[in-house]
PDB file of all heavy atoms in Angstrom:
ATOM      1  N   VAL A   1     -92.198  27.409-103.654  1.00  0.00           N
ATOM      2  CA  VAL A   1     -91.513  28.769-103.531  1.00  0.00           C
ATOM      3  C   VAL A   1     -92.799  29.767-103.289  1.00  0.00           C
ATOM      4  O   VAL A   1     -93.635  29.882-104.152  1.00  0.00           O
ATOM      5  CB  VAL A   1     -90.776  29.074-104.642  1.00  0.00           C
ATOM      6  CG1 VAL A   1     -90.189  30.527-104.507  1.00  0.00           C
ATOM      7  CG2 VAL A   1     -89.602  28.073-104.846  1.00  0.00           C
ATOM      8  N   GLU A   2     -92.746  30.425-102.120  1.00  0.00           N
ATOM      9  CA  GLU A   2     -93.803  31.357-101.928  1.00  0.00           C
ATOM     10  C   GLU A   2     -93.664  32.657-102.660  1.00  0.00           C
ATOM     11  O   GLU A   2     -92.549  33.135-102.646  1.00  0.00           O
ATOM     12  CB  GLU A   2     -93.942  31.590-100.340  1.00  0.00           C
ATOM     13  CG  GLU A   2     -94.256  30.643 -99.489  1.00  0.00           C
ATOM     14  CD  GLU A   2     -95.682  30.021 -99.685  1.00  0.00           C
ATOM     15  OE1 GLU A   2     -96.593  30.903-100.159  1.00  0.00           O
ATOM     16  OE2 GLU A   2     -95.940  28.820 -99.553  1.00  0.00           O
ATOM     17  N   ARG A   3     -94.755  33.054-103.351  1.00  0.00           N
ATOM     18  CA  ARG A   3     -94.639  34.254-104.102  1.00  0.00           C
ATOM     19  C   ARG A   3     -95.157  35.381-103.320  1.00  0.00           C
ATOM     20  O   ARG A   3     -96.235  35.212-102.569  1.00  0.00           O
ATOM     21  CB  ARG A   3     -95.362  34.081-105.471  1.00  0.00           C
ATOM     22  CG  ARG A   3     -94.781  33.031-106.425  1.00  0.00           C
ATOM     23  CD  ARG A   3     -95.605  33.018-107.726  1.00  0.00           C
ATOM     24  NE  ARG A   3     -95.097  31.989-108.549  1.00  0.00           N
ATOM     25  CZ  ARG A   3     -94.142  32.151-109.499  1.00  0.00           C
ATOM     26  NH1 ARG A   3     -93.613  33.360-109.601  1.00  0.00           N
ATOM     27  NH2 ARG A   3     -93.811  31.181-110.255  1.00  0.00           N
ATOM     28  N   VAL A   4     -94.586  36.579-103.442  1.00  0.00           N
ATOM     29  CA  VAL A   4     -95.066  37.674-102.859  1.00  0.00           C
ATOM     30  C   VAL A   4     -96.262  38.321-103.523  1.00  0.00           C
ATOM     31  O   VAL A   4     -96.264  38.560-104.761  1.00  0.00           O
ATOM     32  CB  VAL A   4     -94.119  38.848-102.805  1.00  0.00           C
ATOM     33  CG1 VAL A   4     -94.512  40.109-102.113  1.00  0.00           C
ATOM     34  CG2 VAL A   4     -92.731  38.384-101.988  1.00  0.00           C
ATOM     35  N   ALA A   5     -97.471  38.405-102.790  1.00  0.00           N
ATOM     36  CA  ALA A   5     -98.659  38.868-103.445  1.00  0.00           C
ATOM     37  C   ALA A   5     -98.602  40.264-103.711  1.00  0.00           C
ATOM     38  O   ALA A   5     -98.104  41.111-103.013  1.00  0.00           O
ATOM     39  CB  ALA A   5     -99.743  38.628-102.524  1.00  0.00           C
ATOM     40  N   LEU A   6     -99.032  40.687-104.999  1.00  0.00           N
ATOM     41  CA  LEU A   6     -98.961  41.940-105.474  1.00  0.00           C
ATOM     42  C   LEU A   6    -100.209  42.741-104.849  1.00  0.00           C
ATOM     43  O   LEU A   6    -101.168  42.146-104.527  1.00  0.00           O
ATOM     44  CB  LEU A   6     -99.172  42.099-106.913  1.00  0.00           C
ATOM     45  CG  LEU A   6     -98.022  41.503-107.790  1.00  0.00           C
ATOM     46  CD1 LEU A   6     -98.330  41.648-109.245  1.00  0.00           C
ATOM     47  CD2 LEU A   6     -96.669  42.362-107.567  1.00  0.00           C
ATOM     48  N   PRO A   7    -100.077  44.033-104.578  1.00  0.00           N
ATOM     49  CA  PRO A   7    -101.108  44.803-104.156  1.00  0.00           C
ATOM     50  C   PRO A   7    -102.281  44.842-105.198  1.00  0.00           C
ATOM     51  O   PRO A   7    -102.077  44.744-106.337  1.00  0.00           O
ATOM     52  CB  PRO A   7    -100.668  46.112-103.899  1.00  0.00           C
ATOM     53  CG  PRO A   7     -99.455  46.289-104.790  1.00  0.00           C
ATOM     54  CD  PRO A   7     -98.901  44.887-104.789  1.00  0.00           C
ATOM     55  N   SER A   8    -103.454  45.049-104.694  1.00  0.00           N
ATOM     56  CA  SER A   8    -104.728  44.953-105.672  1.00  0.00           C
ATOM     57  C   SER A   8    -105.217  46.308-106.070  1.00  0.00           C
ATOM     58  O   SER A   8    -105.279  47.338-105.244  1.00  0.00           O
ATOM     59  CB  SER A   8    -105.889  44.306-104.787  1.00  0.00           C
ATOM     60  OG  SER A   8    -105.547  42.970-104.522  1.00  0.00           O
ATOM     61  N   VAL A   9    -105.609  46.521-107.341  1.00  0.00           N
ATOM     62  CA  VAL A   9    -106.148  47.530-107.925  1.00  0.00           C
ATOM     63  C   VAL A   9    -107.806  47.085-108.167  1.00  0.00           C
ATOM     64  O   VAL A   9    -107.975  46.176-109.045  1.00  0.00           O
ATOM     65  CB  VAL A   9    -105.554  48.088-109.113  1.00  0.00           C
ATOM     66  CG1 VAL A   9    -106.591  48.950-109.922  1.00  0.00           C
ATOM     67  CG2 VAL A   9    -104.332  48.756-108.771  1.00  0.00           C
ATOM     68  N   ASP A  10    -108.636  47.801-107.630  1.00  0.00           N
ATOM     69  CA  ASP A  10    -110.104  47.492-107.723  1.00  0.00           C
ATOM     70  C   ASP A  10    -110.496  48.367-108.946  1.00  0.00           C
ATOM     71  O   ASP A  10    -110.733  49.541-108.918  1.00  0.00           O
ATOM     72  CB  ASP A  10    -110.835  47.909-106.459  1.00  0.00           C
ATOM     73  CG  ASP A  10    -112.315  47.567-106.504  1.00  0.00           C
ATOM     74  OD1 ASP A  10    -112.879  47.548-107.742  1.00  0.00           O
ATOM     75  OD2 ASP A  10    -112.916  47.427-105.505  1.00  0.00           O
ATOM     76  N   MET A  11    -110.760  47.582-110.089  1.00  0.00           N
ATOM     77  CA  MET A  11    -111.161  48.192-111.327  1.00  0.00           C
ATOM     78  C   MET A  11    -112.443  48.969-111.162  1.00  0.00           C
ATOM     79  O   MET A  11    -112.636  50.085-111.804  1.00  0.00           O
ATOM     80  CB  MET A  11    -111.228  47.176-112.456  1.00  0.00           C
ATOM     81  CG  MET A  11    -111.505  47.958-113.878  1.00  0.00           C
ATOM     82  SD  MET A  11    -111.361  46.754-115.169  1.00  0.00           S
ATOM     83  CE  MET A  11    -111.950  47.904-116.550  1.00  0.00           C
ATOM     84  N   GLU A  12    -113.494  48.423-110.458  1.00  0.00           N
ATOM     85  CA  GLU A  12    -114.729  49.037-110.278  1.00  0.00           C
ATOM     86  C   GLU A  12    -114.413  50.511-109.731  1.00  0.00           C
ATOM     87  O   GLU A  12    -115.067  51.493-110.078  1.00  0.00           O
ATOM     88  CB  GLU A  12    -115.627  48.338-109.421  1.00  0.00           C
ATOM     89  CG  GLU A  12    -116.125  47.047-110.086  1.00  0.00           C
ATOM     90  CD  GLU A  12    -117.229  46.277-109.268  1.00  0.00           C
ATOM     91  OE1 GLU A  12    -117.801  46.909-108.440  1.00  0.00           O
ATOM     92  OE2 GLU A  12    -117.283  45.096-109.308  1.00  0.00           O
ATOM     93  N   ALA A  13    -113.639  50.485-108.632  1.00  0.00           N
ATOM     94  CA  ALA A  13    -113.268  51.760-107.912  1.00  0.00           C
ATOM     95  C   ALA A  13    -112.590  52.679-108.840  1.00  0.00           C
ATOM     96  O   ALA A  13    -112.863  53.932-108.880  1.00  0.00           O
ATOM     97  CB  ALA A  13    -112.480  51.524-106.593  1.00  0.00           C
ATOM     98  N   VAL A  14    -111.673  52.263-109.550  1.00  0.00           N
ATOM     99  CA  VAL A  14    -110.811  53.074-110.439  1.00  0.00           C
ATOM    100  C   VAL A  14    -111.793  53.782-111.560  1.00  0.00           C
ATOM    101  O   VAL A  14    -111.637  54.960-111.789  1.00  0.00           O
ATOM    102  CB  VAL A  14    -109.768  52.286-111.093  1.00  0.00           C
ATOM    103  CG1 VAL A  14    -109.153  53.111-112.310  1.00  0.00           C
ATOM    104  CG2 VAL A  14    -108.622  51.979-110.038  1.00  0.00           C
ATOM    105  N   LEU A  15    -112.638  53.012-112.125  1.00  0.00           N
ATOM    106  CA  LEU A  15    -113.573  53.381-113.115  1.00  0.00           C
ATOM    107  C   LEU A  15    -114.454  54.537-112.549  1.00  0.00           C
ATOM    108  O   LEU A  15    -114.757  55.665-113.231  1.00  0.00           O
ATOM    109  CB  LEU A  15    -114.392  52.316-113.667  1.00  0.00           C
ATOM    110  CG  LEU A  15    -113.681  51.279-114.627  1.00  0.00           C
ATOM    111  CD1 LEU A  15    -114.733  50.238-114.981  1.00  0.00           C
ATOM    112  CD2 LEU A  15    -113.237  52.064-115.893  1.00  0.00           C
ATOM    113  N   LYS A  16    -114.934  54.289-111.384  1.00  0.00           N
ATOM    114  CA  LYS A  16    -115.775  55.264-110.726  1.00  0.00           C
ATOM    115  C   LYS A  16    -115.075  56.623-110.520  1.00  0.00           C
ATOM    116  O   LYS A  16    -115.660  57.681-110.830  1.00  0.00           O
ATOM    117  CB  LYS A  16    -116.388  54.824-109.396  1.00  0.00           C
ATOM    118  CG  LYS A  16    -117.493  55.666-108.716  1.00  0.00           C
ATOM    119  CD  LYS A  16    -117.961  55.022-107.483  1.00  0.00           C
ATOM    120  CE  LYS A  16    -118.832  53.629-107.613  1.00  0.00           C
ATOM    121  NZ  LYS A  16    -119.261  53.181-106.487  1.00  0.00           N
ATOM    122  N   ALA A  17    -113.846  56.550-110.006  1.00  0.00           N
ATOM    123  CA  ALA A  17    -112.969  57.814-109.796  1.00  0.00           C
ATOM    124  C   ALA A  17    -112.746  58.452-111.083  1.00  0.00           C
ATOM    125  O   ALA A  17    -112.704  59.758-111.237  1.00  0.00           O
ATOM    126  CB  ALA A  17    -111.784  57.264-109.156  1.00  0.00           C
ATOM    127  N   ALA A  18    -112.529  57.630-112.108  1.00  0.00           N
ATOM    128  CA  ALA A  18    -112.073  58.293-113.503  1.00  0.00           C
ATOM    129  C   ALA A  18    -113.359  58.943-114.084  1.00  0.00           C
ATOM    130  O   ALA A  18    -113.215  59.850-114.979  1.00  0.00           O
ATOM    131  CB  ALA A  18    -111.607  57.271-114.431  1.00  0.00           C
ATOM    132  N   GLN A  19    -114.497  58.715-113.604  1.00  0.00           N
ATOM    133  CA  GLN A  19    -115.723  59.479-114.070  1.00  0.00           C
ATOM    134  C   GLN A  19    -115.941  60.708-113.267  1.00  0.00           C
ATOM    135  O   GLN A  19    -116.266  61.788-113.718  1.00  0.00           O
ATOM    136  CB  GLN A  19    -117.014  58.600-113.984  1.00  0.00           C
ATOM    137  CG  GLN A  19    -116.920  57.477-115.087  1.00  0.00           C
ATOM    138  CD  GLN A  19    -117.766  56.336-114.703  1.00  0.00           C
ATOM    139  OE1 GLN A  19    -119.011  56.275-115.235  1.00  0.00           O
ATOM    140  NE2 GLN A  19    -117.429  55.415-113.807  1.00  0.00           N
ATOM    141  N   ILE A  20    -115.729  60.484-111.876  1.00  0.00           N
ATOM    142  CA  ILE A  20    -116.240  61.556-110.859  1.00  0.00           C
ATOM    143  C   ILE A  20    -115.063  62.537-110.742  1.00  0.00           C
ATOM    144  O   ILE A  20    -115.310  63.905-110.804  1.00  0.00           O
ATOM    145  CB  ILE A  20    -116.464  60.907-109.528  1.00  0.00           C
ATOM    146  CG1 ILE A  20    -117.701  59.980-109.604  1.00  0.00           C
ATOM    147  CG2 ILE A  20    -116.873  62.118-108.509  1.00  0.00           C
ATOM    148  CD1 ILE A  20    -117.885  59.206-108.401  1.00  0.00           C
ATOM    149  N   ASP A  21    -113.879  62.218-110.470  1.00  0.00           N
ATOM    150  CA  ASP A  21    -112.818  63.092-110.170  1.00  0.00           C
ATOM    151  C   ASP A  21    -112.631  64.241-111.130  1.00  0.00           C
ATOM    152  O   ASP A  21    -112.317  65.399-110.698  1.00  0.00           O
ATOM    153  CB  ASP A  21    -111.462  62.290-109.927  1.00  0.00           C
ATOM    154  CG  ASP A  21    -111.581  61.526-108.546  1.00  0.00           C
ATOM    155  OD1 ASP A  21    -112.613  61.526-108.012  1.00  0.00           O
ATOM    156  OD2 ASP A  21    -110.629  60.715-108.376  1.00  0.00           O
ATOM    157  N   PRO A  22    -112.618  64.026-112.491  1.00  0.00           N
ATOM    158  CA  PRO A  22    -112.293  65.138-113.415  1.00  0.00           C
ATOM    159  C   PRO A  22    -113.326  66.123-113.400  1.00  0.00           C
ATOM    160  O   PRO A  22    -113.176  67.273-113.861  1.00  0.00           O
ATOM    161  CB  PRO A  22    -112.190  64.390-114.726  1.00  0.00           C
ATOM    162  CG  PRO A  22    -111.951  63.098-114.444  1.00  0.00           C
ATOM    163  CD  PRO A  22    -112.556  62.745-113.139  1.00  0.00           C
ATOM    164  N   ARG A  23    -114.528  65.925-112.796  1.00  0.00           N
ATOM    165  CA  ARG A  23    -115.606  66.861-112.788  1.00  0.00           C
ATOM    166  C   ARG A  23    -115.725  67.490-111.445  1.00  0.00           C
ATOM    167  O   ARG A  23    -116.619  68.409-111.338  1.00  0.00           O
ATOM    168  CB  ARG A  23    -117.020  66.022-112.982  1.00  0.00           C
ATOM    169  CG  ARG A  23    -117.000  65.156-114.257  1.00  0.00           C
ATOM    170  CD  ARG A  23    -116.853  65.982-115.526  1.00  0.00           C
ATOM    171  NE  ARG A  23    -118.008  66.729-115.759  1.00  0.00           N
ATOM    172  CZ  ARG A  23    -118.176  67.644-116.772  1.00  0.00           C
ATOM    173  NH1 ARG A  23    -117.170  67.971-117.560  1.00  0.00           N
ATOM    174  NH2 ARG A  23    -119.262  68.307-117.044  1.00  0.00           N
ATOM    175  N   ARG A  24    -114.882  67.183-110.572  1.00  0.00           N
ATOM    176  CA  ARG A  24    -114.849  67.954-109.154  1.00  0.00           C
ATOM    177  C   ARG A  24    -114.241  69.262-109.362  1.00  0.00           C
ATOM    178  O   ARG A  24    -113.321  69.513-110.235  1.00  0.00           O
ATOM    179  CB  ARG A  24    -114.172  67.051-108.224  1.00  0.00           C
ATOM    180  CG  ARG A  24    -114.675  65.732-107.756  1.00  0.00           C
ATOM    181  CD  ARG A  24    -113.723  65.209-106.714  1.00  0.00           C
ATOM    182  NE  ARG A  24    -114.108  63.851-106.324  1.00  0.00           N
ATOM    183  CZ  ARG A  24    -115.060  63.527-105.443  1.00  0.00           C
ATOM    184  NH1 ARG A  24    -115.843  64.467-104.883  1.00  0.00           N
ATOM    185  NH2 ARG A  24    -115.309  62.154-105.103  1.00  0.00           N
ATOM    186  N   ALA A  25    -114.630  70.150-108.484  1.00  0.00           N
ATOM    187  CA  ALA A  25    -113.912  71.418-108.450  1.00  0.00           C
ATOM    188  C   ALA A  25    -112.766  71.550-107.601  1.00  0.00           C
ATOM    189  O   ALA A  25    -112.080  72.430-107.665  1.00  0.00           O
ATOM    190  CB  ALA A  25    -115.062  72.491-107.980  1.00  0.00           C
ATOM    191  N   ASP A  26    -112.535  70.358-106.924  1.00  0.00           N
ATOM    192  CA  ASP A  26    -111.376  70.249-106.054  1.00  0.00           C
ATOM    193  C   ASP A  26    -110.606  68.981-106.363  1.00  0.00           C
ATOM    194  O   ASP A  26    -110.917  68.335-107.454  1.00  0.00           O
ATOM    195  CB  ASP A  26    -111.804  70.323-104.598  1.00  0.00           C
ATOM    196  CG  ASP A  26    -112.863  69.152-104.271  1.00  0.00           C
ATOM    197  OD1 ASP A  26    -112.952  68.185-105.021  1.00  0.00           O
ATOM    198  OD2 ASP A  26    -113.644  69.397-103.232  1.00  0.00           O
ATOM    199  N   SER A  27    -109.668  68.604-105.533  1.00  0.00           N
ATOM    200  CA  SER A  27    -108.916  67.412-105.907  1.00  0.00           C
ATOM    201  C   SER A  27    -109.308  66.327-104.753  1.00  0.00           C
ATOM    202  O   SER A  27    -108.444  65.530-104.326  1.00  0.00           O
ATOM    203  CB  SER A  27    -107.268  67.673-105.667  1.00  0.00           C
ATOM    204  OG  SER A  27    -107.084  68.321-104.506  1.00  0.00           O
ATOM    205  N   ALA A  28    -110.592  66.287-104.323  1.00  0.00           N
ATOM    206  CA  ALA A  28    -110.994  65.230-103.378  1.00  0.00           C
ATOM    207  C   ALA A  28    -110.914  63.889-103.993  1.00  0.00           C
ATOM    208  O   ALA A  28    -110.753  63.743-105.355  1.00  0.00           O
ATOM    209  CB  ALA A  28    -112.451  65.497-103.014  1.00  0.00           C
ATOM    210  N   ILE A  29    -110.778  62.908-103.093  1.00  0.00           N
ATOM    211  CA  ILE A  29    -110.567  61.516-103.581  1.00  0.00           C
ATOM    212  C   ILE A  29    -111.928  60.782-103.444  1.00  0.00           C
ATOM    213  O   ILE A  29    -112.580  60.901-102.409  1.00  0.00           O
ATOM    214  CB  ILE A  29    -109.620  60.835-102.656  1.00  0.00           C
ATOM    215  CG1 ILE A  29    -108.138  61.500-103.005  1.00  0.00           C
ATOM    216  CG2 ILE A  29    -109.408  59.321-103.044  1.00  0.00           C
ATOM    217  CD1 ILE A  29    -107.078  60.941-102.115  1.00  0.00           C
ATOM    218  N   THR A  30    -112.245  60.073-104.396  1.00  0.00           N
ATOM    219  CA  THR A  30    -113.538  59.302-104.491  1.00  0.00           C
ATOM    220  C   THR A  30    -113.411  58.290-103.391  1.00  0.00           C
ATOM    221  O   THR A  30    -112.482  57.496-103.436  1.00  0.00           O
ATOM    222  CB  THR A  30    -113.760  58.680-105.832  1.00  0.00           C
ATOM    223  OG1 THR A  30    -114.039  59.618-106.772  1.00  0.00           O
ATOM    224  CG2 THR A  30    -114.960  57.695-105.749  1.00  0.00           C
ATOM    225  N   PRO A  31    -114.442  58.113-102.532  1.00  0.00           N
ATOM    226  CA  PRO A  31    -114.374  57.136-101.395  1.00  0.00           C
ATOM    227  C   PRO A  31    -114.149  55.676-101.912  1.00  0.00           C
ATOM    228  O   PRO A  31    -114.884  55.290-102.858  1.00  0.00           O
ATOM    229  CB  PRO A  31    -115.764  57.423-100.627  1.00  0.00           C
ATOM    230  CG  PRO A  31    -116.139  58.784-100.989  1.00  0.00           C
ATOM    231  CD  PRO A  31    -115.633  59.071-102.354  1.00  0.00           C
ATOM    232  N   GLY A  32    -113.238  55.022-101.287  1.00  0.00           N
ATOM    233  CA  GLY A  32    -112.985  53.643-101.620  1.00  0.00           C
ATOM    234  C   GLY A  32    -112.094  53.521-102.852  1.00  0.00           C
ATOM    235  O   GLY A  32    -111.736  52.326-103.233  1.00  0.00           O
ATOM    236  N   ALA A  33    -111.699  54.585-103.484  1.00  0.00           N
ATOM    237  CA  ALA A  33    -110.895  54.445-104.725  1.00  0.00           C
ATOM    238  C   ALA A  33    -109.435  54.853-104.507  1.00  0.00           C
ATOM    239  O   ALA A  33    -108.472  54.574-105.354  1.00  0.00           O
ATOM    240  CB  ALA A  33    -111.511  55.251-105.864  1.00  0.00           C
ATOM    241  N   GLY A  34    -109.146  55.636-103.580  1.00  0.00           N
ATOM    242  CA  GLY A  34    -107.779  56.258-103.386  1.00  0.00           C
ATOM    243  C   GLY A  34    -106.598  55.368-103.504  1.00  0.00           C
ATOM    244  O   GLY A  34    -105.643  55.647-104.331  1.00  0.00           O
ATOM    245  N   SER A  35    -106.591  54.340-102.848  1.00  0.00           N
ATOM    246  CA  SER A  35    -105.525  53.247-102.826  1.00  0.00           C
ATOM    247  C   SER A  35    -105.335  52.718-104.214  1.00  0.00           C
ATOM    248  O   SER A  35    -104.164  52.531-104.652  1.00  0.00           O
ATOM    249  CB  SER A  35    -105.545  52.312-101.661  1.00  0.00           C
ATOM    250  OG  SER A  35    -106.744  51.566-101.979  1.00  0.00           O
TER     251      SER A  35
END
């Protein structure tokens, strides 16, 4: 029975964004982390 693959969350990218984004003056998205 074929299982539907779940979308991927890149933990490295999420951690990077969680450090950078709160320090931004705007709501820009960290490259490579948005999805």
